[in-house]
Amino acid sequence: MVGKLSEFRKLTDAEQYFEFFDLAYDPQVVNINRLHILKKFSQSLEEIDNKFAESDEEQKLNFYREALEASYATLQTSNAIEQKLFKVFHQKPSNIVMLSDIGSDIDEEDE
């Protein structure tokens, strides 16, 4: 085991998580996808905490490590738009009119 759960809970930066778990990472990938990696990781942590609430510290940290690896791997092969991790990607803009929403003013019989 790399560290303790109490130490893990004090971490705030993406790089700190990778260092805590002794995981190799590309700083450029992290810089570009930082928020998305952390968001996906955060979602995974919530699932782990709900599903494995009674797990011991070492087991939980192993699950966390795997979740960080998976979050990082996902953003290496995908992008933020495809992942749609943030609410903004699910909202339909109110100031845009889609072409499919516009009816034709030309009556086909007049042609």
PDB file of N, CA and C in Angstrom:
ATOM      1  N   MET A   1       0.849  -1.182   0.000  1.00  0.00           N
ATOM      2  CA  MET A   1       0.000   0.000   0.000  1.00  0.00           C
ATOM      3  C   MET A   1       0.889   1.239   0.000  1.00  0.00           C
ATOM      4  N   VAL A   2       0.491   2.235  -0.762  1.00  0.00           N
ATOM      5  CA  VAL A   2       1.286   3.434  -0.939  1.00  0.00           C
ATOM      6  C   VAL A   2       1.149   4.393   0.232  1.00  0.00           C
ATOM      7  N   GLY A   3      -0.037   4.627   0.699  1.00  0.00           N
ATOM      8  CA  GLY A   3      -0.262   5.578   1.769  1.00  0.00           C
ATOM      9  C   GLY A   3      -1.500   5.221   2.558  1.00  0.00           C
ATOM     10  N   LYS A   4      -1.918   6.143   3.380  1.00  0.00           N
ATOM     11  CA  LYS A   4      -3.096   5.946   4.222  1.00  0.00           C
ATOM     12  C   LYS A   4      -4.280   6.734   3.675  1.00  0.00           C
ATOM     13  N   LEU A   5      -5.469   6.285   4.010  1.00  0.00           N
ATOM     14  CA  LEU A   5      -6.692   6.948   3.575  1.00  0.00           C
ATOM     15  C   LEU A   5      -6.738   8.390   4.078  1.00  0.00           C
ATOM     16  N   SER A   6      -6.257   8.631   5.287  1.00  0.00           N
ATOM     17  CA  SER A   6      -6.242   9.996   5.830  1.00  0.00           C
ATOM     18  C   SER A   6      -5.333  10.904   4.997  1.00  0.00           C
ATOM     19  N   GLU A   7      -4.238  10.373   4.474  1.00  0.00           N
ATOM     20  CA  GLU A   7      -3.344  11.141   3.603  1.00  0.00           C
ATOM     21  C   GLU A   7      -4.025  11.403   2.254  1.00  0.00           C
ATOM     22  N   PHE A   8      -4.693  10.373   1.737  1.00  0.00           N
ATOM     23  CA  PHE A   8      -5.397  10.496   0.465  1.00  0.00           C
ATOM     24  C   PHE A   8      -6.427  11.618   0.523  1.00  0.00           C
ATOM     25  N   ARG A   9      -7.150  11.714   1.609  1.00  0.00           N
ATOM     26  CA  ARG A   9      -8.230  12.701   1.747  1.00  0.00           C
ATOM     27  C   ARG A   9      -7.711  14.145   1.744  1.00  0.00           C
ATOM     28  N   LYS A  10      -6.415  14.340   1.953  1.00  0.00           N
ATOM     29  CA  LYS A  10      -5.825  15.679   1.964  1.00  0.00           C
ATOM     30  C   LYS A  10      -5.366  16.137   0.579  1.00  0.00           C
ATOM     31  N   LEU A  11      -5.352  15.231  -0.388  1.00  0.00           N
ATOM     32  CA  LEU A  11      -4.862  15.557  -1.725  1.00  0.00           C
ATOM     33  C   LEU A  11      -5.860  16.431  -2.467  1.00  0.00           C
ATOM     34  N   THR A  12      -5.340  17.338  -3.303  1.00  0.00           N
ATOM     35  CA  THR A  12      -6.217  18.235  -4.049  1.00  0.00           C
ATOM     36  C   THR A  12      -5.886  18.308  -5.541  1.00  0.00           C
ATOM     37  N   ASP A  13      -4.649  18.129  -5.923  1.00  0.00           N
ATOM     38  CA  ASP A  13      -4.235  18.270  -7.318  1.00  0.00           C
ATOM     39  C   ASP A  13      -4.134  16.915  -8.008  1.00  0.00           C
ATOM     40  N   ALA A  14      -4.386  16.910  -9.298  1.00  0.00           N
ATOM     41  CA  ALA A  14      -4.306  15.674 -10.079  1.00  0.00           C
ATOM     42  C   ALA A  14      -2.926  15.032  -9.928  1.00  0.00           C
ATOM     43  N   GLU A  15      -1.887  15.842 -10.016  1.00  0.00           N
ATOM     44  CA  GLU A  15      -0.526  15.304  -9.907  1.00  0.00           C
ATOM     45  C   GLU A  15      -0.297  14.635  -8.552  1.00  0.00           C
ATOM     46  N   GLN A  16      -0.884  15.202  -7.500  1.00  0.00           N
ATOM     47  CA  GLN A  16      -0.736  14.608  -6.167  1.00  0.00           C
ATOM     48  C   GLN A  16      -1.345  13.211  -6.113  1.00  0.00           C
ATOM     49  N   TYR A  17      -2.484  13.028  -6.778  1.00  0.00           N
ATOM     50  CA  TYR A  17      -3.117  11.708  -6.799  1.00  0.00           C
ATOM     51  C   TYR A  17      -2.222  10.696  -7.522  1.00  0.00           C
ATOM     52  N   PHE A  18      -1.664  11.098  -8.656  1.00  0.00           N
ATOM     53  CA  PHE A  18      -0.782  10.187  -9.397  1.00  0.00           C
ATOM     54  C   PHE A  18       0.465   9.852  -8.576  1.00  0.00           C
ATOM     55  N   GLU A  19       1.020  10.833  -7.906  1.00  0.00           N
ATOM     56  CA  GLU A  19       2.201  10.598  -7.079  1.00  0.00           C
ATOM     57  C   GLU A  19       1.859   9.729  -5.872  1.00  0.00           C
ATOM     58  N   PHE A  20       0.722   9.966  -5.251  1.00  0.00           N
ATOM     59  CA  PHE A  20       0.290   9.180  -4.099  1.00  0.00           C
ATOM     60  C   PHE A  20       0.209   7.703  -4.457  1.00  0.00           C
ATOM     61  N   PHE A  21      -0.364   7.410  -5.630  1.00  0.00           N
ATOM     62  CA  PHE A  21      -0.525   6.022  -6.060  1.00  0.00           C
ATOM     63  C   PHE A  21       0.673   5.506  -6.863  1.00  0.00           C
ATOM     64  N   ASP A  22       1.703   6.347  -6.999  1.00  0.00           N
ATOM     65  CA  ASP A  22       2.918   5.987  -7.727  1.00  0.00           C
ATOM     66  C   ASP A  22       2.578   5.525  -9.154  1.00  0.00           C
ATOM     67  N   LEU A  23       1.733   6.319  -9.816  1.00  0.00           N
ATOM     68  CA  LEU A  23       1.327   6.026 -11.190  1.00  0.00           C
ATOM     69  C   LEU A  23       2.045   6.966 -12.153  1.00  0.00           C
ATOM     70  N   ALA A  24       2.533   6.407 -13.239  1.00  0.00           N
ATOM     71  CA  ALA A  24       3.152   7.221 -14.273  1.00  0.00           C
ATOM     72  C   ALA A  24       2.060   7.954 -15.044  1.00  0.00           C
ATOM     73  N   TYR A  25       2.359   9.169 -15.465  1.00  0.00           N
ATOM     74  CA  TYR A  25       1.402   9.952 -16.240  1.00  0.00           C
ATOM     75  C   TYR A  25       2.146  10.939 -17.115  1.00  0.00           C
ATOM     76  N   ASP A  26       1.499  11.346 -18.180  1.00  0.00           N
ATOM     77  CA  ASP A  26       2.041  12.346 -19.087  1.00  0.00           C
ATOM     78  C   ASP A  26       1.528  13.708 -18.618  1.00  0.00           C
ATOM     79  N   PRO A  27       2.407  14.605 -18.175  1.00  0.00           N
ATOM     80  CA  PRO A  27       1.964  15.913 -17.683  1.00  0.00           C
ATOM     81  C   PRO A  27       1.135  16.687 -18.706  1.00  0.00           C
ATOM     82  N   GLN A  28       1.432  16.526 -19.994  1.00  0.00           N
ATOM     83  CA  GLN A  28       0.670  17.237 -21.020  1.00  0.00           C
ATOM     84  C   GLN A  28      -0.771  16.716 -21.078  1.00  0.00           C
ATOM     85  N   VAL A  29      -0.958  15.413 -20.961  1.00  0.00           N
ATOM     86  CA  VAL A  29      -2.309  14.837 -20.958  1.00  0.00           C
ATOM     87  C   VAL A  29      -3.073  15.338 -19.736  1.00  0.00           C
ATOM     88  N   VAL A  30      -2.416  15.375 -18.596  1.00  0.00           N
ATOM     89  CA  VAL A  30      -3.066  15.849 -17.373  1.00  0.00           C
ATOM     90  C   VAL A  30      -3.400  17.336 -17.488  1.00  0.00           C
ATOM     91  N   ASN A  31      -2.487  18.129 -18.025  1.00  0.00           N
ATOM     92  CA  ASN A  31      -2.748  19.564 -18.164  1.00  0.00           C
ATOM     93  C   ASN A  31      -3.944  19.846 -19.070  1.00  0.00           C
ATOM     94  N   ILE A  32      -4.067  19.103 -20.137  1.00  0.00           N
ATOM     95  CA  ILE A  32      -5.155  19.314 -21.090  1.00  0.00           C
ATOM     96  C   ILE A  32      -6.484  18.799 -20.537  1.00  0.00           C
ATOM     97  N   ASN A  33      -6.445  17.676 -19.822  1.00  0.00           N
ATOM     98  CA  ASN A  33      -7.674  16.993 -19.385  1.00  0.00           C
ATOM     99  C   ASN A  33      -7.875  16.985 -17.878  1.00  0.00           C
ATOM    100  N   ARG A  34      -7.192  17.845 -17.175  1.00  0.00           N
ATOM    101  CA  ARG A  34      -7.196  17.854 -15.704  1.00  0.00           C
ATOM    102  C   ARG A  34      -8.601  17.781 -15.103  1.00  0.00           C
ATOM    103  N   LEU A  35      -9.455  18.710 -15.468  1.00  0.00           N
ATOM    104  CA  LEU A  35     -10.793  18.754 -14.870  1.00  0.00           C
ATOM    105  C   LEU A  35     -11.605  17.512 -15.198  1.00  0.00           C
ATOM    106  N   HIS A  36     -11.452  17.019 -16.394  1.00  0.00           N
ATOM    107  CA  HIS A  36     -12.219  15.847 -16.810  1.00  0.00           C
ATOM    108  C   HIS A  36     -11.715  14.576 -16.129  1.00  0.00           C
ATOM    109  N   ILE A  37     -10.410  14.457 -15.988  1.00  0.00           N
ATOM    110  CA  ILE A  37      -9.850  13.311 -15.261  1.00  0.00           C
ATOM    111  C   ILE A  37     -10.343  13.338 -13.820  1.00  0.00           C
ATOM    112  N   LEU A  38     -10.252  14.502 -13.183  1.00  0.00           N
ATOM    113  CA  LEU A  38     -10.672  14.614 -11.782  1.00  0.00           C
ATOM    114  C   LEU A  38     -12.177  14.401 -11.621  1.00  0.00           C
ATOM    115  N   LYS A  39     -12.966  14.867 -12.584  1.00  0.00           N
ATOM    116  CA  LYS A  39     -14.417  14.677 -12.507  1.00  0.00           C
ATOM    117  C   LYS A  39     -14.761  13.196 -12.630  1.00  0.00           C
ATOM    118  N   LYS A  40     -14.169  12.520 -13.606  1.00  0.00           N
ATOM    119  CA  LYS A  40     -14.430  11.091 -13.798  1.00  0.00           C
ATOM    120  C   LYS A  40     -13.947  10.307 -12.572  1.00  0.00           C
ATOM    121  N   PHE A  41     -12.785  10.671 -12.062  1.00  0.00           N
ATOM    122  CA  PHE A  41     -12.230  10.036 -10.867  1.00  0.00           C
ATOM    123  C   PHE A  41     -13.160  10.249  -9.677  1.00  0.00           C
ATOM    124  N   SER A  42     -13.665  11.456  -9.520  1.00  0.00           N
ATOM    125  CA  SER A  42     -14.580  11.778  -8.432  1.00  0.00           C
ATOM    126  C   SER A  42     -15.859  10.943  -8.510  1.00  0.00           C
ATOM    127  N   GLN A  43     -16.401  10.795  -9.717  1.00  0.00           N
ATOM    128  CA  GLN A  43     -17.593   9.968  -9.901  1.00  0.00           C
ATOM    129  C   GLN A  43     -17.310   8.513  -9.512  1.00  0.00           C
ATOM    130  N   SER A  44     -16.140   8.035  -9.885  1.00  0.00           N
ATOM    131  CA  SER A  44     -15.754   6.664  -9.537  1.00  0.00           C
ATOM    132  C   SER A  44     -15.588   6.499  -8.031  1.00  0.00           C
ATOM    133  N   LEU A  45     -15.002   7.500  -7.378  1.00  0.00           N
ATOM    134  CA  LEU A  45     -14.830   7.432  -5.927  1.00  0.00           C
ATOM    135  C   LEU A  45     -16.171   7.332  -5.223  1.00  0.00           C
ATOM    136  N   GLU A  46     -17.140   8.092  -5.701  1.00  0.00           N
ATOM    137  CA  GLU A  46     -18.477   8.055  -5.110  1.00  0.00           C
ATOM    138  C   GLU A  46     -19.095   6.660  -5.247  1.00  0.00           C
ATOM    139  N   GLU A  47     -18.947   6.063  -6.425  1.00  0.00           N
ATOM    140  CA  GLU A  47     -19.463   4.710  -6.652  1.00  0.00           C
ATOM    141  C   GLU A  47     -18.755   3.701  -5.736  1.00  0.00           C
ATOM    142  N   ILE A  48     -17.455   3.825  -5.627  1.00  0.00           N
ATOM    143  CA  ILE A  48     -16.674   2.919  -4.771  1.00  0.00           C
ATOM    144  C   ILE A  48     -17.107   3.069  -3.320  1.00  0.00           C
ATOM    145  N   ASP A  49     -17.225   4.309  -2.866  1.00  0.00           N
ATOM    146  CA  ASP A  49     -17.623   4.547  -1.474  1.00  0.00           C
ATOM    147  C   ASP A  49     -19.010   3.997  -1.179  1.00  0.00           C
ATOM    148  N   ASN A  50     -19.921   4.095  -2.142  1.00  0.00           N
ATOM    149  CA  ASN A  50     -21.271   3.559  -1.954  1.00  0.00           C
ATOM    150  C   ASN A  50     -21.291   2.035  -1.997  1.00  0.00           C
ATOM    151  N   LYS A  51     -20.544   1.464  -2.913  1.00  0.00           N
ATOM    152  CA  LYS A  51     -20.564   0.019  -3.117  1.00  0.00           C
ATOM    153  C   LYS A  51     -19.696  -0.740  -2.102  1.00  0.00           C
ATOM    154  N   PHE A  52     -18.594  -0.130  -1.712  1.00  0.00           N
ATOM    155  CA  PHE A  52     -17.639  -0.814  -0.839  1.00  0.00           C
ATOM    156  C   PHE A  52     -17.423  -0.047   0.466  1.00  0.00           C
ATOM    157  N   ALA A  53     -18.490   0.436   1.047  1.00  0.00           N
ATOM    158  CA  ALA A  53     -18.405   1.243   2.271  1.00  0.00           C
ATOM    159  C   ALA A  53     -17.711   0.496   3.404  1.00  0.00           C
ATOM    160  N   GLU A  54     -17.904  -0.797   3.462  1.00  0.00           N
ATOM    161  CA  GLU A  54     -17.349  -1.585   4.563  1.00  0.00           C
ATOM    162  C   GLU A  54     -15.961  -2.149   4.268  1.00  0.00           C
ATOM    163  N   SER A  55     -15.393  -1.831   3.114  1.00  0.00           N
ATOM    164  CA  SER A  55     -14.075  -2.347   2.751  1.00  0.00           C
ATOM    165  C   SER A  55     -13.011  -1.792   3.681  1.00  0.00           C
ATOM    166  N   ASP A  56     -11.937  -2.564   3.841  1.00  0.00           N
ATOM    167  CA  ASP A  56     -10.845  -2.054   4.660  1.00  0.00           C
ATOM    168  C   ASP A  56     -10.067  -0.994   3.878  1.00  0.00           C
ATOM    169  N   GLU A  57      -9.235  -0.260   4.581  1.00  0.00           N
ATOM    170  CA  GLU A  57      -8.519   0.877   4.012  1.00  0.00           C
ATOM    171  C   GLU A  57      -7.672   0.483   2.809  1.00  0.00           C
ATOM    172  N   GLU A  58      -6.927  -0.583   2.924  1.00  0.00           N
ATOM    173  CA  GLU A  58      -6.044  -0.999   1.834  1.00  0.00           C
ATOM    174  C   GLU A  58      -6.838  -1.368   0.583  1.00  0.00           C
ATOM    175  N   GLN A  59      -7.917  -2.098   0.780  1.00  0.00           N
ATOM    176  CA  GLN A  59      -8.753  -2.495  -0.357  1.00  0.00           C
ATOM    177  C   GLN A  59      -9.378  -1.270  -1.030  1.00  0.00           C
ATOM    178  N   LYS A  60      -9.852  -0.348  -0.227  1.00  0.00           N
ATOM    179  CA  LYS A  60     -10.477   0.860  -0.766  1.00  0.00           C
ATOM    180  C   LYS A  60      -9.451   1.678  -1.553  1.00  0.00           C
ATOM    181  N   LEU A  61      -8.246   1.812  -1.035  1.00  0.00           N
ATOM    182  CA  LEU A  61      -7.202   2.550  -1.742  1.00  0.00           C
ATOM    183  C   LEU A  61      -6.825   1.861  -3.051  1.00  0.00           C
ATOM    184  N   ASN A  62      -6.866   0.538  -3.080  1.00  0.00           N
ATOM    185  CA  ASN A  62      -6.607  -0.194  -4.327  1.00  0.00           C
ATOM    186  C   ASN A  62      -7.698   0.101  -5.351  1.00  0.00           C
ATOM    187  N   PHE A  63      -8.947   0.147  -4.908  1.00  0.00           N
ATOM    188  CA  PHE A  63     -10.053   0.513  -5.804  1.00  0.00           C
ATOM    189  C   PHE A  63      -9.870   1.943  -6.317  1.00  0.00           C
ATOM    190  N   TYR A  64      -9.468   2.845  -5.435  1.00  0.00           N
ATOM    191  CA  TYR A  64      -9.242   4.232  -5.822  1.00  0.00           C
ATOM    192  C   TYR A  64      -8.138   4.323  -6.879  1.00  0.00           C
ATOM    193  N   ARG A  65      -7.069   3.571  -6.662  1.00  0.00           N
ATOM    194  CA  ARG A  65      -5.939   3.563  -7.601  1.00  0.00           C
ATOM    195  C   ARG A  65      -6.408   3.108  -8.983  1.00  0.00           C
ATOM    196  N   GLU A  66      -7.170   2.026  -9.007  1.00  0.00           N
ATOM    197  CA  GLU A  66      -7.703   1.512 -10.270  1.00  0.00           C
ATOM    198  C   GLU A  66      -8.627   2.534 -10.929  1.00  0.00           C
ATOM    199  N   ALA A  67      -9.394   3.245 -10.135  1.00  0.00           N
ATOM    200  CA  ALA A  67     -10.304   4.261 -10.667  1.00  0.00           C
ATOM    201  C   ALA A  67      -9.532   5.413 -11.297  1.00  0.00           C
ATOM    202  N   LEU A  68      -8.438   5.825 -10.674  1.00  0.00           N
ATOM    203  CA  LEU A  68      -7.621   6.894 -11.242  1.00  0.00           C
ATOM    204  C   LEU A  68      -6.978   6.435 -12.549  1.00  0.00           C
ATOM    205  N   GLU A  69      -6.467   5.219 -12.552  1.00  0.00           N
ATOM    206  CA  GLU A  69      -5.886   4.665 -13.783  1.00  0.00           C
ATOM    207  C   GLU A  69      -6.915   4.642 -14.907  1.00  0.00           C
ATOM    208  N   ALA A  70      -8.123   4.191 -14.598  1.00  0.00           N
ATOM    209  CA  ALA A  70      -9.187   4.107 -15.602  1.00  0.00           C
ATOM    210  C   ALA A  70      -9.599   5.502 -16.091  1.00  0.00           C
ATOM    211  N   SER A  71      -9.697   6.456 -15.183  1.00  0.00           N
ATOM    212  CA  SER A  71     -10.072   7.824 -15.555  1.00  0.00           C
ATOM    213  C   SER A  71      -9.035   8.426 -16.489  1.00  0.00           C
ATOM    214  N   TYR A  72      -7.789   8.232 -16.164  1.00  0.00           N
ATOM    215  CA  TYR A  72      -6.687   8.739 -16.979  1.00  0.00           C
ATOM    216  C   TYR A  72      -6.679   8.052 -18.345  1.00  0.00           C
ATOM    217  N   ALA A  73      -6.828   6.737 -18.363  1.00  0.00           N
ATOM    218  CA  ALA A  73      -6.820   5.987 -19.616  1.00  0.00           C
ATOM    219  C   ALA A  73      -7.970   6.410 -20.526  1.00  0.00           C
ATOM    220  N   THR A  74      -9.126   6.641 -19.941  1.00  0.00           N
ATOM    221  CA  THR A  74     -10.287   7.062 -20.727  1.00  0.00           C
ATOM    222  C   THR A  74     -10.008   8.373 -21.442  1.00  0.00           C
ATOM    223  N   LEU A  75      -9.398   9.324 -20.755  1.00  0.00           N
ATOM    224  CA  LEU A  75      -9.145  10.630 -21.352  1.00  0.00           C
ATOM    225  C   LEU A  75      -7.918  10.631 -22.256  1.00  0.00           C
ATOM    226  N   GLN A  76      -7.147   9.555 -22.259  1.00  0.00           N
ATOM    227  CA  GLN A  76      -6.046   9.432 -23.212  1.00  0.00           C
ATOM    228  C   GLN A  76      -6.573   9.004 -24.579  1.00  0.00           C
ATOM    229  N   THR A  77      -7.649   8.239 -24.589  1.00  0.00           N
ATOM    230  CA  THR A  77      -8.178   7.696 -25.835  1.00  0.00           C
ATOM    231  C   THR A  77      -9.467   8.381 -26.269  1.00  0.00           C
ATOM    232  N   SER A  78      -9.981   9.268 -25.469  1.00  0.00           N
ATOM    233  CA  SER A  78     -11.232   9.953 -25.747  1.00  0.00           C
ATOM    234  C   SER A  78     -11.008  11.445 -25.524  1.00  0.00           C
ATOM    235  N   ASN A  79     -12.080  12.211 -25.633  1.00  0.00           N
ATOM    236  CA  ASN A  79     -11.942  13.634 -25.331  1.00  0.00           C
ATOM    237  C   ASN A  79     -13.121  14.098 -24.486  1.00  0.00           C
ATOM    238  N   ALA A  80     -13.020  15.313 -24.026  1.00  0.00           N
ATOM    239  CA  ALA A  80     -14.010  15.853 -23.098  1.00  0.00           C
ATOM    240  C   ALA A  80     -15.407  15.888 -23.706  1.00  0.00           C
ATOM    241  N   ILE A  81     -15.496  16.209 -24.981  1.00  0.00           N
ATOM    242  CA  ILE A  81     -16.807  16.297 -25.628  1.00  0.00           C
ATOM    243  C   ILE A  81     -17.461  14.926 -25.708  1.00  0.00           C
ATOM    244  N   GLU A  82     -16.687  13.903 -26.033  1.00  0.00           N
ATOM    245  CA  GLU A  82     -17.231  12.544 -26.096  1.00  0.00           C
ATOM    246  C   GLU A  82     -17.672  12.044 -24.722  1.00  0.00           C
ATOM    247  N   GLN A  83     -16.943  12.397 -23.689  1.00  0.00           N
ATOM    248  CA  GLN A  83     -17.235  11.914 -22.344  1.00  0.00           C
ATOM    249  C   GLN A  83     -18.433  12.628 -21.708  1.00  0.00           C
ATOM    250  N   LYS A  84     -18.634  13.899 -22.044  1.00  0.00           N
ATOM    251  CA  LYS A  84     -19.755  14.687 -21.524  1.00  0.00           C
ATOM    252  C   LYS A  84     -19.911  14.544 -20.005  1.00  0.00           C
ATOM    253  N   LEU A  85     -18.838  14.825 -19.283  1.00  0.00           N
ATOM    254  CA  LEU A  85     -18.823  14.654 -17.834  1.00  0.00           C
ATOM    255  C   LEU A  85     -19.477  15.803 -17.074  1.00  0.00           C
ATOM    256  N   PHE A  86     -19.545  16.961 -17.705  1.00  0.00           N
ATOM    257  CA  PHE A  86     -20.072  18.121 -17.006  1.00  0.00           C
ATOM    258  C   PHE A  86     -21.471  18.474 -17.511  1.00  0.00           C
ATOM    259  N   LYS A  87     -22.242  19.087 -16.660  1.00  0.00           N
ATOM    260  CA  LYS A  87     -23.632  19.433 -16.938  1.00  0.00           C
ATOM    261  C   LYS A  87     -23.782  20.243 -18.226  1.00  0.00           C
ATOM    262  N   VAL A  88     -22.847  21.119 -18.491  1.00  0.00           N
ATOM    263  CA  VAL A  88     -22.922  21.993 -19.656  1.00  0.00           C
ATOM    264  C   VAL A  88     -23.029  21.199 -20.960  1.00  0.00           C
ATOM    265  N   PHE A  89     -22.474  20.008 -21.006  1.00  0.00           N
ATOM    266  CA  PHE A  89     -22.537  19.192 -22.213  1.00  0.00           C
ATOM    267  C   PHE A  89     -23.916  18.571 -22.428  1.00  0.00           C
ATOM    268  N   HIS A  90     -24.760  18.594 -21.415  1.00  0.00           N
ATOM    269  CA  HIS A  90     -26.085  17.996 -21.504  1.00  0.00           C
ATOM    270  C   HIS A  90     -27.188  19.029 -21.684  1.00  0.00           C
ATOM    271  N   GLN A  91     -26.837  20.303 -21.639  1.00  0.00           N
ATOM    272  CA  GLN A  91     -27.825  21.363 -21.771  1.00  0.00           C
ATOM    273  C   GLN A  91     -27.944  21.795 -23.230  1.00  0.00           C
ATOM    274  N   LYS A  92     -29.171  22.015 -23.661  1.00  0.00           N
ATOM    275  CA  LYS A  92     -29.402  22.527 -25.003  1.00  0.00           C
ATOM    276  C   LYS A  92     -29.334  24.045 -24.924  1.00  0.00           C
ATOM    277  N   PRO A  93     -28.476  24.661 -25.727  1.00  0.00           N
ATOM    278  CA  PRO A  93     -28.374  26.124 -25.702  1.00  0.00           C
ATOM    279  C   PRO A  93     -29.710  26.758 -26.058  1.00  0.00           C
ATOM    280  N   SER A  94     -30.074  27.805 -25.352  1.00  0.00           N
ATOM    281  CA  SER A  94     -31.359  28.461 -25.590  1.00  0.00           C
ATOM    282  C   SER A  94     -31.263  29.532 -26.670  1.00  0.00           C
ATOM    283  N   ASN A  95     -30.068  29.918 -27.051  1.00  0.00           N
ATOM    284  CA  ASN A  95     -29.906  30.988 -28.024  1.00  0.00           C
ATOM    285  C   ASN A  95     -29.513  30.478 -29.418  1.00  0.00           C
ATOM    286  N   ILE A  96     -29.736  29.195 -29.673  1.00  0.00           N
ATOM    287  CA  ILE A  96     -29.388  28.613 -30.967  1.00  0.00           C
ATOM    288  C   ILE A  96     -30.635  27.986 -31.573  1.00  0.00           C
ATOM    289  N   VAL A  97     -30.826  28.254 -32.853  1.00  0.00           N
ATOM    290  CA  VAL A  97     -31.936  27.656 -33.584  1.00  0.00           C
ATOM    291  C   VAL A  97     -31.334  26.630 -34.542  1.00  0.00           C
ATOM    292  N   MET A  98     -31.783  25.404 -34.426  1.00  0.00           N
ATOM    293  CA  MET A  98     -31.289  24.339 -35.289  1.00  0.00           C
ATOM    294  C   MET A  98     -31.975  24.448 -36.654  1.00  0.00           C
ATOM    295  N   LEU A  99     -31.265  24.113 -37.703  1.00  0.00           N
ATOM    296  CA  LEU A  99     -31.844  24.149 -39.045  1.00  0.00           C
ATOM    297  C   LEU A  99     -33.069  23.250 -39.135  1.00  0.00           C
ATOM    298  N   SER A 100     -33.046  22.154 -38.441  1.00  0.00           N
ATOM    299  CA  SER A 100     -34.178  21.226 -38.473  1.00  0.00           C
ATOM    300  C   SER A 100     -35.423  21.829 -37.818  1.00  0.00           C
ATOM    301  N   ASP A 101     -35.251  22.872 -37.008  1.00  0.00           N
ATOM    302  CA  ASP A 101     -36.384  23.529 -36.351  1.00  0.00           C
ATOM    303  C   ASP A 101     -37.020  24.611 -37.221  1.00  0.00           C
ATOM    304  N   ILE A 102     -36.375  24.945 -38.321  1.00  0.00           N
ATOM    305  CA  ILE A 102     -36.865  26.009 -39.186  1.00  0.00           C
ATOM    306  C   ILE A 102     -37.718  25.391 -40.294  1.00  0.00           C
ATOM    307  N   GLY A 103     -38.940  25.863 -40.423  1.00  0.00           N
ATOM    308  CA  GLY A 103     -39.827  25.385 -41.485  1.00  0.00           C
ATOM    309  C   GLY A 103     -39.538  26.123 -42.773  1.00  0.00           C
ATOM    310  N   SER A 104     -39.885  25.534 -43.866  1.00  0.00           N
ATOM    311  CA  SER A 104     -39.678  26.145 -45.174  1.00  0.00           C
ATOM    312  C   SER A 104     -40.838  27.083 -45.479  1.00  0.00           C
ATOM    313  N   ASP A 105     -40.503  28.284 -45.978  1.00  0.00           N
ATOM    314  CA  ASP A 105     -41.519  29.249 -46.377  1.00  0.00           C
ATOM    315  C   ASP A 105     -42.011  28.975 -47.798  1.00  0.00           C
ATOM    316  N   ILE A 106     -41.320  28.141 -48.509  1.00  0.00           N
ATOM    317  CA  ILE A 106     -41.660  27.848 -49.900  1.00  0.00           C
ATOM    318  C   ILE A 106     -42.671  26.693 -49.916  1.00  0.00           C
ATOM    319  N   ASP A 107     -43.768  26.919 -50.549  1.00  0.00           N
ATOM    320  CA  ASP A 107     -44.791  25.879 -50.694  1.00  0.00           C
ATOM    321  C   ASP A 107     -44.386  25.017 -51.882  1.00  0.00           C
ATOM    322  N   GLU A 108     -44.246  23.741 -51.661  1.00  0.00           N
ATOM    323  CA  GLU A 108     -43.786  22.843 -52.722  1.00  0.00           C
ATOM    324  C   GLU A 108     -44.728  22.828 -53.901  1.00  0.00           C
ATOM    325  N   GLU A 109     -46.011  23.148 -53.720  1.00  0.00           N
ATOM    326  CA  GLU A 109     -46.967  23.157 -54.829  1.00  0.00           C
ATOM    327  C   GLU A 109     -46.711  24.326 -55.769  1.00  0.00           C
ATOM    328  N   ASP A 110     -46.109  25.411 -55.278  1.00  0.00           N
ATOM    329  CA  ASP A 110     -45.864  26.585 -56.113  1.00  0.00           C
ATOM    330  C   ASP A 110     -44.697  26.377 -57.056  1.00  0.00           C
ATOM    331  N   GLU A 111     -43.894  25.386 -56.822  1.00  0.00           N
ATOM    332  CA  GLU A 111     -42.701  25.179 -57.647  1.00  0.00           C
ATOM    333  C   GLU A 111     -43.024  24.639 -58.990  1.00  0.00           C
TER     334      GLU A 111
END
